[in-house]
Amino acid sequence: MSKTVTIIGSLNYDLVTFTKKVPKAGETIQANSFETHMGGKGLNEAVAVARLSPLLGHVQSRMIGCVGADDFGKSLKQCLVDSGVDVSNVKTIEGESSGVATILVEEESGENRILITAGANGHLKPSDEEYKSIFELDKEDKNEYVVLQNEYPDTERVFRG
């Protein structure tokens, strides 16, 4: 019997800069390296579930989230597809940028500072019908799960609901 894990959460394009020290207000310094990563707690969890599938028997990872109609959004969605995640519930929001995390990492200490721009993640508000299809799981079917990170704007509704 197949299992389904539905993840509702953020998808962020991570912009990571590594430096000896973080600049003070008004200061400009030279960084040492720069990387980009696919991220957001939702994306990370959906990919992790998909990767666990071979170890746990067939597990379908399903992502519910929003991306912008930009190159970052296309990359985030493609990352999920390449990982075997069902993206049929990942919406593309026209006129909105994808979520971005700007991360500054001090190399010696490993300390980081992160700025999140929600972008399309701020539009993640499933309709009543979508919540019903997500949460009205077959009472006899013990193989469906939902994962939330309490980080999207409508999470409170799930717990009141």
N, C-alpha and C. Protein backbone atom coordinates (compact mmCIF):
# COMPACT_ATOMS: atom_id res chain seq x y z
N MET A 1 0.85 -1.18 0.00
CA MET A 1 0.00 0.00 0.00
C MET A 1 0.89 1.23 0.00
N SER A 2 0.59 2.17 -0.86
CA SER A 2 1.43 3.37 -0.99
C SER A 2 1.07 4.40 0.08
N LYS A 3 2.06 5.18 0.45
CA LYS A 3 1.89 6.23 1.45
C LYS A 3 1.98 7.58 0.74
N THR A 4 1.27 8.58 1.25
CA THR A 4 1.36 9.94 0.73
C THR A 4 1.67 10.88 1.87
N VAL A 5 2.68 11.72 1.65
CA VAL A 5 3.03 12.76 2.60
C VAL A 5 2.84 14.09 1.87
N THR A 6 1.92 14.91 2.37
CA THR A 6 1.65 16.22 1.78
C THR A 6 2.34 17.27 2.64
N ILE A 7 3.19 18.06 1.99
CA ILE A 7 3.91 19.13 2.68
C ILE A 7 3.30 20.45 2.24
N ILE A 8 2.90 21.29 3.19
CA ILE A 8 2.36 22.62 2.91
C ILE A 8 3.37 23.61 3.46
N GLY A 9 4.01 24.38 2.58
CA GLY A 9 5.01 25.30 3.10
C GLY A 9 5.72 26.11 2.06
N SER A 10 6.83 26.66 2.46
CA SER A 10 7.54 27.65 1.64
C SER A 10 8.52 27.02 0.68
N LEU A 11 8.74 27.77 -0.40
CA LEU A 11 9.75 27.45 -1.39
C LEU A 11 10.57 28.72 -1.58
N ASN A 12 11.85 28.66 -1.23
CA ASN A 12 12.72 29.84 -1.31
C ASN A 12 13.97 29.54 -2.12
N TYR A 13 14.40 30.52 -2.86
CA TYR A 13 15.68 30.46 -3.54
C TYR A 13 16.69 31.10 -2.60
N ASP A 14 17.70 30.33 -2.18
CA ASP A 14 18.67 30.79 -1.19
C ASP A 14 19.89 31.40 -1.87
N LEU A 15 20.23 32.62 -1.46
CA LEU A 15 21.42 33.33 -1.94
C LEU A 15 22.38 33.43 -0.76
N VAL A 16 23.47 32.66 -0.80
CA VAL A 16 24.34 32.50 0.36
C VAL A 16 25.71 33.13 0.08
N THR A 17 26.12 34.05 0.93
CA THR A 17 27.41 34.69 0.82
C THR A 17 28.26 34.34 2.05
N PHE A 18 29.49 33.90 1.80
CA PHE A 18 30.42 33.54 2.87
C PHE A 18 31.46 34.65 3.01
N THR A 19 31.70 35.08 4.25
CA THR A 19 32.59 36.21 4.50
C THR A 19 33.32 36.01 5.82
N LYS A 20 34.46 36.71 5.96
CA LYS A 20 35.19 36.65 7.23
C LYS A 20 34.40 37.34 8.33
N LYS A 21 33.75 38.45 7.98
CA LYS A 21 32.93 39.17 8.96
C LYS A 21 31.75 39.80 8.23
N VAL A 22 30.69 40.00 8.97
CA VAL A 22 29.49 40.62 8.41
C VAL A 22 29.68 42.13 8.51
N PRO A 23 29.36 42.86 7.45
CA PRO A 23 29.56 44.31 7.50
C PRO A 23 28.68 44.99 8.55
N LYS A 24 29.22 46.06 9.10
CA LYS A 24 28.44 46.91 10.01
C LYS A 24 27.60 47.84 9.15
N ALA A 25 26.68 48.55 9.77
CA ALA A 25 25.84 49.50 9.04
C ALA A 25 26.70 50.47 8.25
N GLY A 26 26.42 50.60 6.96
CA GLY A 26 27.14 51.52 6.09
C GLY A 26 28.48 51.02 5.59
N GLU A 27 28.91 49.86 6.03
CA GLU A 27 30.22 49.32 5.66
C GLU A 27 30.09 48.38 4.46
N THR A 28 31.08 48.43 3.58
CA THR A 28 31.16 47.50 2.45
C THR A 28 32.44 46.71 2.60
N ILE A 29 32.33 45.39 2.53
CA ILE A 29 33.52 44.55 2.61
C ILE A 29 33.49 43.51 1.49
N GLN A 30 34.64 42.93 1.24
CA GLN A 30 34.77 41.90 0.20
C GLN A 30 34.39 40.54 0.79
N ALA A 31 33.47 39.84 0.11
CA ALA A 31 33.11 38.49 0.53
C ALA A 31 34.06 37.49 -0.13
N ASN A 32 34.06 36.26 0.37
CA ASN A 32 34.97 35.25 -0.15
C ASN A 32 34.34 34.31 -1.17
N SER A 33 33.04 34.00 -1.00
CA SER A 33 32.40 33.12 -1.97
C SER A 33 30.89 33.30 -1.91
N PHE A 34 30.23 32.79 -2.93
CA PHE A 34 28.79 32.94 -3.08
C PHE A 34 28.24 31.65 -3.64
N GLU A 35 27.07 31.20 -3.13
CA GLU A 35 26.40 30.00 -3.61
C GLU A 35 24.90 30.25 -3.68
N THR A 36 24.22 29.48 -4.52
CA THR A 36 22.76 29.48 -4.52
C THR A 36 22.29 28.06 -4.23
N HIS A 37 21.13 27.96 -3.57
CA HIS A 37 20.57 26.66 -3.22
C HIS A 37 19.05 26.73 -3.31
N MET A 38 18.45 25.60 -3.58
CA MET A 38 17.00 25.49 -3.49
C MET A 38 16.67 25.34 -2.02
N GLY A 39 15.67 26.07 -1.53
CA GLY A 39 15.39 26.00 -0.11
C GLY A 39 13.97 26.32 0.24
N GLY A 40 13.80 26.69 1.50
CA GLY A 40 12.49 26.84 2.10
C GLY A 40 12.20 25.55 2.84
N LYS A 41 11.64 25.67 4.04
CA LYS A 41 11.37 24.47 4.83
C LYS A 41 10.48 23.48 4.09
N GLY A 42 9.49 23.99 3.38
CA GLY A 42 8.59 23.11 2.64
C GLY A 42 9.31 22.32 1.57
N LEU A 43 10.10 23.00 0.74
CA LEU A 43 10.84 22.31 -0.31
C LEU A 43 11.79 21.29 0.29
N ASN A 44 12.53 21.69 1.32
CA ASN A 44 13.49 20.77 1.94
C ASN A 44 12.80 19.50 2.45
N GLU A 45 11.64 19.66 3.07
CA GLU A 45 10.92 18.49 3.59
C GLU A 45 10.37 17.62 2.46
N ALA A 46 9.84 18.24 1.41
CA ALA A 46 9.29 17.47 0.30
C ALA A 46 10.38 16.65 -0.39
N VAL A 47 11.55 17.25 -0.58
CA VAL A 47 12.67 16.53 -1.20
C VAL A 47 13.15 15.41 -0.27
N ALA A 48 13.22 15.67 1.02
CA ALA A 48 13.65 14.63 1.97
C ALA A 48 12.71 13.44 1.95
N VAL A 49 11.40 13.69 1.93
CA VAL A 49 10.42 12.60 1.87
C VAL A 49 10.61 11.79 0.59
N ALA A 50 10.78 12.49 -0.53
CA ALA A 50 10.97 11.79 -1.81
C ALA A 50 12.23 10.92 -1.77
N ARG A 51 13.28 11.42 -1.16
CA ARG A 51 14.53 10.65 -1.07
C ARG A 51 14.40 9.44 -0.15
N LEU A 52 13.51 9.53 0.84
CA LEU A 52 13.30 8.40 1.75
C LEU A 52 12.46 7.29 1.13
N SER A 53 11.76 7.60 0.06
CA SER A 53 10.83 6.65 -0.55
C SER A 53 11.44 5.26 -0.77
N PRO A 54 12.64 5.14 -1.34
CA PRO A 54 13.21 3.80 -1.55
C PRO A 54 13.46 3.03 -0.25
N LEU A 55 13.69 3.75 0.84
CA LEU A 55 13.97 3.10 2.12
C LEU A 55 12.70 2.67 2.85
N LEU A 56 11.60 3.38 2.59
CA LEU A 56 10.36 3.15 3.35
C LEU A 56 9.28 2.43 2.55
N GLY A 57 9.60 1.98 1.37
CA GLY A 57 8.55 1.51 0.48
C GLY A 57 8.07 2.71 -0.30
N HIS A 58 7.11 2.56 -1.15
CA HIS A 58 6.70 3.68 -1.98
C HIS A 58 6.04 4.77 -1.14
N VAL A 59 6.65 5.95 -1.13
CA VAL A 59 6.10 7.11 -0.45
C VAL A 59 5.98 8.22 -1.49
N GLN A 60 4.77 8.71 -1.73
CA GLN A 60 4.58 9.83 -2.64
C GLN A 60 4.67 11.12 -1.86
N SER A 61 5.60 11.97 -2.26
CA SER A 61 5.77 13.29 -1.66
C SER A 61 4.98 14.29 -2.51
N ARG A 62 4.11 15.06 -1.85
CA ARG A 62 3.26 16.04 -2.54
C ARG A 62 3.47 17.41 -1.91
N MET A 63 3.81 18.40 -2.73
CA MET A 63 4.07 19.75 -2.24
C MET A 63 2.91 20.66 -2.55
N ILE A 64 2.51 21.45 -1.55
CA ILE A 64 1.52 22.51 -1.75
C ILE A 64 2.23 23.81 -1.38
N GLY A 65 2.36 24.71 -2.35
CA GLY A 65 3.06 25.96 -2.11
C GLY A 65 2.88 26.89 -3.29
N CYS A 66 3.60 28.01 -3.25
CA CYS A 66 3.51 29.02 -4.31
C CYS A 66 4.90 29.50 -4.69
N VAL A 67 5.08 29.71 -5.99
CA VAL A 67 6.30 30.30 -6.52
C VAL A 67 5.90 31.47 -7.42
N GLY A 68 6.86 32.34 -7.68
CA GLY A 68 6.62 33.44 -8.59
C GLY A 68 6.81 32.99 -10.04
N ALA A 69 6.37 33.83 -10.94
CA ALA A 69 6.52 33.55 -12.38
C ALA A 69 7.87 34.11 -12.83
N ASP A 70 8.94 33.69 -12.17
CA ASP A 70 10.28 34.16 -12.48
C ASP A 70 11.22 32.96 -12.61
N ASP A 71 12.48 33.22 -12.95
CA ASP A 71 13.43 32.12 -13.11
C ASP A 71 13.64 31.34 -11.82
N PHE A 72 13.60 32.04 -10.67
CA PHE A 72 13.74 31.34 -9.40
C PHE A 72 12.59 30.35 -9.21
N GLY A 73 11.37 30.78 -9.52
CA GLY A 73 10.20 29.91 -9.39
C GLY A 73 10.31 28.69 -10.27
N LYS A 74 10.75 28.88 -11.50
CA LYS A 74 10.93 27.74 -12.43
C LYS A 74 11.96 26.77 -11.87
N SER A 75 13.06 27.30 -11.34
CA SER A 75 14.10 26.44 -10.78
C SER A 75 13.61 25.68 -9.55
N LEU A 76 12.89 26.35 -8.67
CA LEU A 76 12.36 25.69 -7.48
C LEU A 76 11.42 24.55 -7.85
N LYS A 77 10.52 24.83 -8.78
CA LYS A 77 9.56 23.80 -9.20
C LYS A 77 10.28 22.64 -9.88
N GLN A 78 11.26 22.95 -10.72
CA GLN A 78 12.01 21.89 -11.41
C GLN A 78 12.79 21.03 -10.43
N CYS A 79 13.33 21.64 -9.39
CA CYS A 79 14.03 20.87 -8.35
C CYS A 79 13.11 19.82 -7.74
N LEU A 80 11.86 20.23 -7.45
CA LEU A 80 10.88 19.29 -6.90
C LEU A 80 10.57 18.17 -7.90
N VAL A 81 10.34 18.54 -9.15
CA VAL A 81 10.04 17.54 -10.19
C VAL A 81 11.20 16.56 -10.32
N ASP A 82 12.43 17.09 -10.38
CA ASP A 82 13.61 16.23 -10.52
C ASP A 82 13.77 15.29 -9.33
N SER A 83 13.25 15.69 -8.18
CA SER A 83 13.34 14.85 -6.98
C SER A 83 12.18 13.87 -6.85
N GLY A 84 11.22 13.93 -7.78
CA GLY A 84 10.09 13.00 -7.75
C GLY A 84 8.93 13.47 -6.91
N VAL A 85 8.85 14.77 -6.63
CA VAL A 85 7.77 15.33 -5.83
C VAL A 85 6.61 15.73 -6.74
N ASP A 86 5.39 15.42 -6.31
CA ASP A 86 4.17 15.83 -7.03
C ASP A 86 4.02 17.34 -6.85
N VAL A 87 4.05 18.09 -7.97
CA VAL A 87 3.95 19.54 -7.91
C VAL A 87 2.62 20.05 -8.47
N SER A 88 1.65 19.18 -8.58
CA SER A 88 0.36 19.59 -9.16
C SER A 88 -0.34 20.65 -8.31
N ASN A 89 0.07 20.80 -7.05
CA ASN A 89 -0.52 21.81 -6.16
C ASN A 89 0.43 22.95 -5.85
N VAL A 90 1.47 23.11 -6.66
CA VAL A 90 2.36 24.26 -6.53
C VAL A 90 1.87 25.30 -7.52
N LYS A 91 1.40 26.41 -7.00
CA LYS A 91 0.83 27.47 -7.85
C LYS A 91 1.91 28.48 -8.23
N THR A 92 1.82 28.96 -9.46
CA THR A 92 2.67 30.05 -9.92
C THR A 92 1.86 31.33 -9.84
N ILE A 93 2.37 32.30 -9.10
CA ILE A 93 1.68 33.57 -8.88
C ILE A 93 2.25 34.62 -9.85
N GLU A 94 1.43 35.02 -10.80
CA GLU A 94 1.85 36.02 -11.78
C GLU A 94 2.07 37.37 -11.09
N GLY A 95 3.09 38.09 -11.54
CA GLY A 95 3.35 39.42 -11.01
C GLY A 95 4.00 39.43 -9.63
N GLU A 96 4.41 38.28 -9.15
CA GLU A 96 5.01 38.18 -7.82
C GLU A 96 6.34 37.46 -7.94
N SER A 97 7.34 37.89 -7.19
CA SER A 97 8.62 37.18 -7.19
C SER A 97 8.51 35.93 -6.32
N SER A 98 9.39 35.01 -6.56
CA SER A 98 9.46 33.82 -5.70
C SER A 98 10.08 34.23 -4.37
N GLY A 99 9.86 33.40 -3.36
CA GLY A 99 10.48 33.65 -2.06
C GLY A 99 11.99 33.55 -2.17
N VAL A 100 12.68 34.43 -1.44
CA VAL A 100 14.14 34.46 -1.45
C VAL A 100 14.65 34.55 -0.03
N ALA A 101 15.72 33.82 0.24
CA ALA A 101 16.45 33.96 1.50
C ALA A 101 17.84 34.47 1.18
N THR A 102 18.19 35.62 1.74
CA THR A 102 19.54 36.16 1.60
C THR A 102 20.27 35.80 2.89
N ILE A 103 21.34 35.03 2.74
CA ILE A 103 22.02 34.47 3.91
C ILE A 103 23.48 34.92 3.92
N LEU A 104 23.90 35.52 5.02
CA LEU A 104 25.29 35.91 5.21
C LEU A 104 25.88 34.95 6.25
N VAL A 105 26.99 34.30 5.89
CA VAL A 105 27.62 33.33 6.79
C VAL A 105 29.03 33.79 7.12
N GLU A 106 29.33 33.92 8.43
CA GLU A 106 30.68 34.19 8.89
C GLU A 106 31.44 32.86 8.89
N GLU A 107 32.51 32.82 8.11
CA GLU A 107 33.20 31.55 7.90
C GLU A 107 33.80 30.94 9.16
N GLU A 108 34.43 31.71 9.98
CA GLU A 108 35.11 31.15 11.15
C GLU A 108 34.15 30.61 12.19
N SER A 109 33.10 31.38 12.50
CA SER A 109 32.17 30.98 13.55
C SER A 109 31.02 30.12 13.02
N GLY A 110 30.72 30.24 11.73
CA GLY A 110 29.56 29.55 11.17
C GLY A 110 28.25 30.27 11.46
N GLU A 111 28.33 31.38 12.19
CA GLU A 111 27.13 32.17 12.49
C GLU A 111 26.54 32.70 11.19
N ASN A 112 25.21 32.76 11.15
CA ASN A 112 24.59 33.30 9.94
C ASN A 112 23.54 34.34 10.29
N ARG A 113 23.21 35.12 9.30
CA ARG A 113 22.14 36.11 9.37
C ARG A 113 21.30 35.89 8.12
N ILE A 114 20.00 35.79 8.31
CA ILE A 114 19.13 35.45 7.19
C ILE A 114 18.01 36.47 7.07
N LEU A 115 17.83 36.96 5.86
CA LEU A 115 16.71 37.84 5.52
C LEU A 115 15.79 37.06 4.58
N ILE A 116 14.53 36.97 4.94
CA ILE A 116 13.56 36.27 4.10
C ILE A 116 12.65 37.29 3.43
N THR A 117 12.49 37.15 2.13
CA THR A 117 11.50 37.90 1.39
C THR A 117 10.44 36.89 0.97
N ALA A 118 9.24 37.00 1.51
CA ALA A 118 8.21 35.97 1.30
C ALA A 118 7.82 35.83 -0.16
N GLY A 119 7.68 36.92 -0.87
CA GLY A 119 7.27 36.83 -2.27
C GLY A 119 6.00 36.01 -2.41
N ALA A 120 6.00 35.09 -3.35
CA ALA A 120 4.82 34.26 -3.64
C ALA A 120 4.38 33.43 -2.44
N ASN A 121 5.30 33.10 -1.52
CA ASN A 121 4.92 32.35 -0.32
C ASN A 121 3.81 33.05 0.45
N GLY A 122 3.76 34.37 0.37
CA GLY A 122 2.73 35.13 1.06
C GLY A 122 1.33 34.89 0.51
N HIS A 123 1.24 34.22 -0.63
CA HIS A 123 -0.06 33.91 -1.24
C HIS A 123 -0.53 32.49 -0.93
N LEU A 124 0.20 31.78 -0.09
CA LEU A 124 -0.16 30.40 0.23
C LEU A 124 -1.32 30.39 1.22
N LYS A 125 -2.53 30.35 0.66
CA LYS A 125 -3.76 30.32 1.45
C LYS A 125 -4.73 29.36 0.77
N PRO A 126 -4.57 28.06 1.04
CA PRO A 126 -5.46 27.10 0.39
C PRO A 126 -6.94 27.42 0.65
N SER A 127 -7.76 27.14 -0.35
CA SER A 127 -9.21 27.36 -0.23
C SER A 127 -9.82 26.32 0.70
N ASP A 128 -11.07 26.54 1.08
CA ASP A 128 -11.78 25.56 1.91
C ASP A 128 -11.80 24.19 1.24
N GLU A 129 -12.00 24.18 -0.08
CA GLU A 129 -12.04 22.92 -0.82
C GLU A 129 -10.68 22.22 -0.78
N GLU A 130 -9.61 23.02 -0.92
CA GLU A 130 -8.27 22.43 -0.88
C GLU A 130 -7.97 21.87 0.51
N TYR A 131 -8.31 22.62 1.56
CA TYR A 131 -8.11 22.09 2.91
C TYR A 131 -8.90 20.80 3.11
N LYS A 132 -10.12 20.78 2.62
CA LYS A 132 -10.95 19.59 2.78
C LYS A 132 -10.29 18.39 2.12
N SER A 133 -9.77 18.58 0.91
CA SER A 133 -9.14 17.46 0.22
C SER A 133 -7.83 17.05 0.90
N ILE A 134 -7.16 17.99 1.56
CA ILE A 134 -5.91 17.68 2.25
C ILE A 134 -6.17 16.97 3.57
N PHE A 135 -7.10 17.50 4.37
CA PHE A 135 -7.26 17.02 5.73
C PHE A 135 -8.34 15.98 5.94
N GLU A 136 -9.26 15.81 5.02
CA GLU A 136 -10.26 14.76 5.19
C GLU A 136 -9.70 13.47 4.63
N LEU A 137 -8.76 12.93 5.35
CA LEU A 137 -8.11 11.71 4.96
C LEU A 137 -9.00 10.53 5.32
N ASP A 138 -8.95 9.50 4.52
CA ASP A 138 -9.74 8.29 4.76
C ASP A 138 -9.39 7.75 6.14
N LYS A 139 -10.38 7.68 7.01
CA LYS A 139 -10.15 7.27 8.39
C LYS A 139 -9.54 5.86 8.49
N GLU A 140 -9.82 5.02 7.51
CA GLU A 140 -9.25 3.67 7.51
C GLU A 140 -7.84 3.64 6.94
N ASP A 141 -7.48 4.66 6.18
CA ASP A 141 -6.18 4.70 5.53
C ASP A 141 -5.18 5.39 6.44
N LYS A 142 -4.30 4.63 7.02
CA LYS A 142 -3.30 5.17 7.93
C LYS A 142 -2.02 5.56 7.19
N ASN A 143 -2.09 5.71 5.88
CA ASN A 143 -0.90 5.96 5.08
C ASN A 143 -0.89 7.34 4.43
N GLU A 144 -1.62 8.29 4.99
CA GLU A 144 -1.60 9.65 4.50
C GLU A 144 -1.24 10.58 5.65
N TYR A 145 -0.30 11.50 5.36
CA TYR A 145 0.22 12.39 6.39
C TYR A 145 0.32 13.80 5.84
N VAL A 146 0.24 14.79 6.72
CA VAL A 146 0.38 16.19 6.35
C VAL A 146 1.47 16.79 7.23
N VAL A 147 2.38 17.57 6.61
CA VAL A 147 3.46 18.22 7.32
C VAL A 147 3.31 19.73 7.14
N LEU A 148 3.29 20.46 8.26
CA LEU A 148 3.22 21.92 8.26
C LEU A 148 4.42 22.47 9.01
N GLN A 149 4.84 23.68 8.64
CA GLN A 149 5.96 24.29 9.35
C GLN A 149 5.53 25.48 10.18
N ASN A 150 4.28 25.83 10.20
CA ASN A 150 3.79 26.99 10.94
C ASN A 150 4.48 28.27 10.47
N GLU A 151 4.76 28.33 9.16
CA GLU A 151 5.46 29.50 8.64
C GLU A 151 4.72 30.17 7.48
N TYR A 152 3.60 29.66 7.09
CA TYR A 152 2.89 30.34 6.01
C TYR A 152 1.69 31.08 6.59
N PRO A 153 1.20 32.11 5.88
CA PRO A 153 0.23 33.04 6.48
C PRO A 153 -1.06 32.42 6.99
N ASP A 154 -1.46 31.29 6.47
CA ASP A 154 -2.78 30.72 6.79
C ASP A 154 -2.71 29.56 7.79
N THR A 155 -1.55 29.32 8.39
CA THR A 155 -1.39 28.17 9.29
C THR A 155 -2.38 28.18 10.44
N GLU A 156 -2.63 29.36 11.00
CA GLU A 156 -3.56 29.45 12.14
C GLU A 156 -4.90 28.81 11.81
N ARG A 157 -5.36 29.00 10.59
CA ARG A 157 -6.66 28.47 10.17
C ARG A 157 -6.71 26.95 10.29
N VAL A 158 -5.59 26.31 10.03
CA VAL A 158 -5.53 24.84 10.12
C VAL A 158 -5.82 24.41 11.55
N PHE A 159 -5.26 25.11 12.51
CA PHE A 159 -5.43 24.72 13.90
C PHE A 159 -6.75 25.17 14.50
N ARG A 160 -7.36 26.19 13.91
CA ARG A 160 -8.69 26.61 14.37
C ARG A 160 -9.77 25.74 13.77
N GLY A 161 -9.47 25.25 12.55
CA GLY A 161 -10.33 24.64 11.72
C GLY A 161 -11.23 23.65 11.65
